[in-house]
Amino acid sequence: MEEKKKTVHFNIIKNDPLDGHKGYNAGVLNLENVTPVFIDVAEQEAFIDIGAMHAKSKVEKGLKFVPNIEELPNPKWYWLVWVTVERNENGPFYYGVTACDLATDREARRGYKIFPDHVNKMDKSLKGHFIVDHMDEPSKKTLAKFLQNQEGGLWKNSSAELKKQLGVE
């Protein structure tokens, strides 16, 4: 009889994972405050697609992702930006903002992205890092405008470092 492989289960939960459960679910990652924001590089449009949390956004659906960009004859480029929001005494603010690139070719039904980079950038955002310096300038401006237009004083309460990296000082 073949032995069953053990699988690791990843739980996404809300609120305090240890509330009333001394140690149960310790070490579970809370993704409640992370939002995936796409920047369409050609159109310079920003939009949220929560499906990206599980690689099932409208940008990603229906494509086979390959590790080699040369497999996409006509790539359409996007930035997937992981935005983490936290709250302090001044109110909500952008705690972490990290960007990773991806390309799609709908006609070829192929996409390009580096999966470990996407996971690592989401992790960096959750840990309060700003990694947007590798983005093209027009996309940085689009992202900055998108973040500025969100309600609740998020932009006003955010760090000078984020504003500097996005070219808004």
C-alpha atoms as a PDB file:
ATOM      1  CA  MET A   1       0.000   0.000   0.000  1.00  0.00           C
ATOM      2  CA  GLU A   2       1.371   3.378  -0.988  1.00  0.00           C
ATOM      3  CA  GLU A   3       1.947   5.813   1.864  1.00  0.00           C
ATOM      4  CA  LYS A   4       0.005   9.066   1.602  1.00  0.00           C
ATOM      5  CA  LYS A   5       2.126  12.212   1.194  1.00  0.00           C
ATOM      6  CA  LYS A   6       1.760  14.725   3.985  1.00  0.00           C
ATOM      7  CA  THR A   7       0.690  18.125   2.762  1.00  0.00           C
ATOM      8  CA  VAL A   8       1.159  21.460   4.414  1.00  0.00           C
ATOM      9  CA  HIS A   9      -2.059  23.419   4.783  1.00  0.00           C
ATOM     10  CA  PHE A  10      -1.926  27.198   4.710  1.00  0.00           C
ATOM     11  CA  ASN A  11      -4.671  28.907   6.700  1.00  0.00           C
ATOM     12  CA  ILE A  12      -5.877  32.401   5.967  1.00  0.00           C
ATOM     13  CA  ILE A  13      -7.761  33.689   8.974  1.00  0.00           C
ATOM     14  CA  LYS A  14      -9.195  36.913  10.292  1.00  0.00           C
ATOM     15  CA  ASN A  15      -8.534  38.787  13.522  1.00  0.00           C
ATOM     16  CA  ASP A  16      -6.215  37.473  16.259  1.00  0.00           C
ATOM     17  CA  PRO A  17      -5.176  33.877  15.467  1.00  0.00           C
ATOM     18  CA  LEU A  18      -4.426  33.187  19.118  1.00  0.00           C
ATOM     19  CA  ASP A  19      -7.569  34.714  20.585  1.00  0.00           C
ATOM     20  CA  GLY A  20      -8.733  32.104  23.109  1.00  0.00           C
ATOM     21  CA  HIS A  21      -6.622  29.307  21.641  1.00  0.00           C
ATOM     22  CA  LYS A  22      -3.315  29.317  23.531  1.00  0.00           C
ATOM     23  CA  GLY A  23      -0.970  28.232  20.770  1.00  0.00           C
ATOM     24  CA  TYR A  24      -3.452  26.881  18.240  1.00  0.00           C
ATOM     25  CA  ASN A  25      -2.600  28.300  14.783  1.00  0.00           C
ATOM     26  CA  ALA A  26       0.514  30.010  16.151  1.00  0.00           C
ATOM     27  CA  GLY A  27       2.597  31.238  13.239  1.00  0.00           C
ATOM     28  CA  VAL A  28      -0.344  31.618  10.886  1.00  0.00           C
ATOM     29  CA  LEU A  29      -0.037  34.494   8.459  1.00  0.00           C
ATOM     30  CA  ASN A  30      -2.840  37.054   8.548  1.00  0.00           C
ATOM     31  CA  LEU A  31      -3.506  38.417   5.057  1.00  0.00           C
ATOM     32  CA  GLU A  32      -6.466  40.533   6.101  1.00  0.00           C
ATOM     33  CA  ASN A  33      -4.656  43.855   5.509  1.00  0.00           C
ATOM     34  CA  VAL A  34      -3.022  43.037   2.152  1.00  0.00           C
ATOM     35  CA  THR A  35      -4.493  44.181  -1.137  1.00  0.00           C
ATOM     36  CA  PRO A  36      -3.181  43.305  -4.613  1.00  0.00           C
ATOM     37  CA  VAL A  37      -3.124  46.330  -6.929  1.00  0.00           C
ATOM     38  CA  PHE A  38      -2.392  45.886 -10.625  1.00  0.00           C
ATOM     39  CA  ILE A  39      -0.817  48.559 -12.798  1.00  0.00           C
ATOM     40  CA  ASP A  40      -1.436  48.084 -16.528  1.00  0.00           C
ATOM     41  CA  VAL A  41       1.846  49.467 -17.926  1.00  0.00           C
ATOM     42  CA  ALA A  42       0.511  50.218 -21.432  1.00  0.00           C
ATOM     43  CA  GLU A  43      -2.705  51.918 -20.270  1.00  0.00           C
ATOM     44  CA  GLN A  44      -1.308  53.343 -17.016  1.00  0.00           C
ATOM     45  CA  GLU A  45      -4.406  52.213 -15.147  1.00  0.00           C
ATOM     46  CA  ALA A  46      -4.456  50.915 -11.589  1.00  0.00           C
ATOM     47  CA  PHE A  47      -7.064  48.496 -10.260  1.00  0.00           C
ATOM     48  CA  ILE A  48      -7.586  46.098  -7.382  1.00  0.00           C
ATOM     49  CA  ASP A  49      -8.217  42.416  -8.036  1.00  0.00           C
ATOM     50  CA  ILE A  50      -8.475  40.318  -4.872  1.00  0.00           C
ATOM     51  CA  GLY A  51      -8.243  37.169  -7.024  1.00  0.00           C
ATOM     52  CA  ALA A  52      -4.491  37.757  -7.183  1.00  0.00           C
ATOM     53  CA  MET A  53      -4.249  36.522  -3.591  1.00  0.00           C
ATOM     54  CA  HIS A  54      -4.568  33.024  -5.081  1.00  0.00           C
ATOM     55  CA  ALA A  55      -3.157  33.754  -8.567  1.00  0.00           C
ATOM     56  CA  LYS A  56      -6.730  33.858  -9.925  1.00  0.00           C
ATOM     57  CA  SER A  57      -7.066  37.498 -10.958  1.00  0.00           C
ATOM     58  CA  LYS A  58      -8.667  38.456 -14.269  1.00  0.00           C
ATOM     59  CA  VAL A  59      -5.149  39.214 -15.528  1.00  0.00           C
ATOM     60  CA  GLU A  60      -3.921  35.704 -14.642  1.00  0.00           C
ATOM     61  CA  LYS A  61      -6.984  33.537 -15.413  1.00  0.00           C
ATOM     62  CA  GLY A  62      -6.856  31.216 -18.403  1.00  0.00           C
ATOM     63  CA  LEU A  63      -3.086  31.432 -18.884  1.00  0.00           C
ATOM     64  CA  LYS A  64      -0.316  28.906 -18.511  1.00  0.00           C
ATOM     65  CA  PHE A  65       2.567  30.617 -16.744  1.00  0.00           C
ATOM     66  CA  VAL A  66       6.019  29.894 -18.081  1.00  0.00           C
ATOM     67  CA  PRO A  67       9.422  30.831 -16.613  1.00  0.00           C
ATOM     68  CA  ASN A  68      10.796  32.182 -19.898  1.00  0.00           C
ATOM     69  CA  ILE A  69       9.602  35.535 -21.276  1.00  0.00           C
ATOM     70  CA  GLU A  70      10.655  34.485 -24.790  1.00  0.00           C
ATOM     71  CA  GLU A  71       7.643  32.151 -24.883  1.00  0.00           C
ATOM     72  CA  LEU A  72       5.362  35.208 -25.092  1.00  0.00           C
ATOM     73  CA  PRO A  73       5.416  36.626 -28.642  1.00  0.00           C
ATOM     74  CA  ASN A  74       3.494  39.792 -27.665  1.00  0.00           C
ATOM     75  CA  PRO A  75       3.828  40.389 -23.927  1.00  0.00           C
ATOM     76  CA  LYS A  76       1.548  42.870 -22.175  1.00  0.00           C
ATOM     77  CA  TRP A  77       3.236  44.054 -18.988  1.00  0.00           C
ATOM     78  CA  TYR A  78       1.725  44.624 -15.567  1.00  0.00           C
ATOM     79  CA  TRP A  79       2.982  45.417 -12.108  1.00  0.00           C
ATOM     80  CA  LEU A  80       1.383  43.485  -9.273  1.00  0.00           C
ATOM     81  CA  VAL A  81       1.768  45.664  -6.196  1.00  0.00           C
ATOM     82  CA  TRP A  82       1.194  44.205  -2.743  1.00  0.00           C
ATOM     83  CA  VAL A  83      -0.167  46.964  -0.492  1.00  0.00           C
ATOM     84  CA  THR A  84      -0.363  46.366   3.252  1.00  0.00           C
ATOM     85  CA  VAL A  85      -2.328  48.734   5.478  1.00  0.00           C
ATOM     86  CA  GLU A  86      -1.845  49.119   9.235  1.00  0.00           C
ATOM     87  CA  ARG A  87      -3.175  51.523  11.841  1.00  0.00           C
ATOM     88  CA  ASN A  88      -1.382  53.683  14.392  1.00  0.00           C
ATOM     89  CA  GLU A  89      -2.391  56.575  16.649  1.00  0.00           C
ATOM     90  CA  ASN A  90      -2.860  58.833  13.577  1.00  0.00           C
ATOM     91  CA  GLY A  91      -5.109  56.345  11.792  1.00  0.00           C
ATOM     92  CA  PRO A  92      -4.607  53.944   8.862  1.00  0.00           C
ATOM     93  CA  PHE A  93      -1.485  54.177   6.701  1.00  0.00           C
ATOM     94  CA  TYR A  94       0.372  52.292   3.974  1.00  0.00           C
ATOM     95  CA  TYR A  95       2.648  50.003   5.960  1.00  0.00           C
ATOM     96  CA  GLY A  96       4.220  48.003   3.114  1.00  0.00           C
ATOM     97  CA  VAL A  97       4.211  48.440  -0.666  1.00  0.00           C
ATOM     98  CA  THR A  98       6.134  46.076  -2.948  1.00  0.00           C
ATOM     99  CA  ALA A  99       5.931  45.543  -6.702  1.00  0.00           C
ATOM    100  CA  CYS A 100       6.612  42.551  -8.921  1.00  0.00           C
ATOM    101  CA  ASP A 101       6.260  42.317 -12.668  1.00  0.00           C
ATOM    102  CA  LEU A 102       4.288  39.940 -14.805  1.00  0.00           C
ATOM    103  CA  ALA A 103       3.445  39.701 -18.481  1.00  0.00           C
ATOM    104  CA  THR A 104       0.574  38.120 -20.370  1.00  0.00           C
ATOM    105  CA  ASP A 105      -0.093  37.144 -23.959  1.00  0.00           C
ATOM    106  CA  ARG A 106      -3.786  36.338 -24.333  1.00  0.00           C
ATOM    107  CA  GLU A 107      -3.416  35.198 -27.931  1.00  0.00           C
ATOM    108  CA  ALA A 108      -0.688  32.694 -27.017  1.00  0.00           C
ATOM    109  CA  ARG A 109      -2.513  31.851 -23.745  1.00  0.00           C
ATOM    110  CA  ARG A 110       0.756  32.252 -21.868  1.00  0.00           C
ATOM    111  CA  GLY A 111       1.903  34.361 -18.979  1.00  0.00           C
ATOM    112  CA  TYR A 112       5.249  35.126 -17.413  1.00  0.00           C
ATOM    113  CA  LYS A 113       5.994  35.691 -13.763  1.00  0.00           C
ATOM    114  CA  ILE A 114       8.483  34.489 -11.231  1.00  0.00           C
ATOM    115  CA  PHE A 115       6.341  32.820  -8.549  1.00  0.00           C
ATOM    116  CA  PRO A 116       8.943  32.960  -5.747  1.00  0.00           C
ATOM    117  CA  ASP A 117       9.411  36.702  -6.383  1.00  0.00           C
ATOM    118  CA  HIS A 118       5.653  37.295  -6.043  1.00  0.00           C
ATOM    119  CA  VAL A 119       5.512  35.366  -2.757  1.00  0.00           C
ATOM    120  CA  ASN A 120       8.627  37.045  -1.384  1.00  0.00           C
ATOM    121  CA  LYS A 121       7.374  40.519  -2.315  1.00  0.00           C
ATOM    122  CA  MET A 122       4.045  39.856  -0.590  1.00  0.00           C
ATOM    123  CA  ASP A 123       5.993  38.761   2.485  1.00  0.00           C
ATOM    124  CA  LYS A 124       8.133  41.927   2.353  1.00  0.00           C
ATOM    125  CA  SER A 125       5.000  44.064   2.127  1.00  0.00           C
ATOM    126  CA  LEU A 126       3.542  42.299   5.183  1.00  0.00           C
ATOM    127  CA  LYS A 127       6.782  43.092   7.019  1.00  0.00           C
ATOM    128  CA  GLY A 128       6.559  46.813   6.225  1.00  0.00           C
ATOM    129  CA  HIS A 129       9.019  47.169   3.349  1.00  0.00           C
ATOM    130  CA  PHE A 130       8.771  49.544   0.404  1.00  0.00           C
ATOM    131  CA  ILE A 131      10.180  48.019  -2.781  1.00  0.00           C
ATOM    132  CA  VAL A 132       9.075  50.060  -5.779  1.00  0.00           C
ATOM    133  CA  ASP A 133      12.338  51.620  -6.952  1.00  0.00           C
ATOM    134  CA  HIS A 134      12.619  49.137  -9.867  1.00  0.00           C
ATOM    135  CA  MET A 135       9.294  50.277 -11.380  1.00  0.00           C
ATOM    136  CA  ASP A 136       9.214  52.533 -14.440  1.00  0.00           C
ATOM    137  CA  GLU A 137       8.506  56.200 -13.650  1.00  0.00           C
ATOM    138  CA  PRO A 138       5.053  56.421 -15.322  1.00  0.00           C
ATOM    139  CA  SER A 139       3.885  53.343 -13.363  1.00  0.00           C
ATOM    140  CA  LYS A 140       5.205  54.826 -10.107  1.00  0.00           C
ATOM    141  CA  LYS A 141       3.174  57.963 -10.796  1.00  0.00           C
ATOM    142  CA  THR A 142       0.067  55.885 -11.559  1.00  0.00           C
ATOM    143  CA  LEU A 143       0.524  53.935  -8.325  1.00  0.00           C
ATOM    144  CA  ALA A 144       1.108  57.107  -6.290  1.00  0.00           C
ATOM    145  CA  LYS A 145      -2.034  58.712  -7.716  1.00  0.00           C
ATOM    146  CA  PHE A 146      -4.057  55.558  -6.999  1.00  0.00           C
ATOM    147  CA  LEU A 147      -2.809  55.397  -3.396  1.00  0.00           C
ATOM    148  CA  GLN A 148      -3.411  59.126  -2.874  1.00  0.00           C
ATOM    149  CA  ASN A 149      -7.025  58.793  -4.027  1.00  0.00           C
ATOM    150  CA  GLN A 150      -7.949  56.206  -1.399  1.00  0.00           C
ATOM    151  CA  GLU A 151     -10.093  57.460   1.470  1.00  0.00           C
ATOM    152  CA  GLY A 152      -9.362  57.506   5.173  1.00  0.00           C
ATOM    153  CA  GLY A 153      -6.155  59.533   5.236  1.00  0.00           C
ATOM    154  CA  LEU A 154      -4.005  56.564   4.220  1.00  0.00           C
ATOM    155  CA  TRP A 155      -1.639  58.637   2.082  1.00  0.00           C
ATOM    156  CA  LYS A 156      -1.447  61.529   4.528  1.00  0.00           C
ATOM    157  CA  ASN A 157      -0.525  59.159   7.385  1.00  0.00           C
ATOM    158  CA  SER A 158       2.055  57.215   5.369  1.00  0.00           C
ATOM    159  CA  SER A 159       5.813  57.497   5.683  1.00  0.00           C
ATOM    160  CA  ALA A 160       8.014  59.945   3.838  1.00  0.00           C
ATOM    161  CA  GLU A 161      10.046  56.951   2.608  1.00  0.00           C
ATOM    162  CA  LEU A 162       7.127  55.608   0.561  1.00  0.00           C
ATOM    163  CA  LYS A 163       6.423  59.034  -0.904  1.00  0.00           C
ATOM    164  CA  LYS A 164      10.098  59.463  -1.771  1.00  0.00           C
ATOM    165  CA  GLN A 165      10.312  56.055  -3.498  1.00  0.00           C
ATOM    166  CA  LEU A 166       7.232  56.913  -5.550  1.00  0.00           C
ATOM    167  CA  GLY A 167       8.670  60.329  -6.465  1.00  0.00           C
ATOM    168  CA  VAL A 168       6.097  62.333  -4.489  1.00  0.00           C
ATOM    169  CA  GLU A 169       7.684  64.447  -1.774  1.00  0.00           C
END
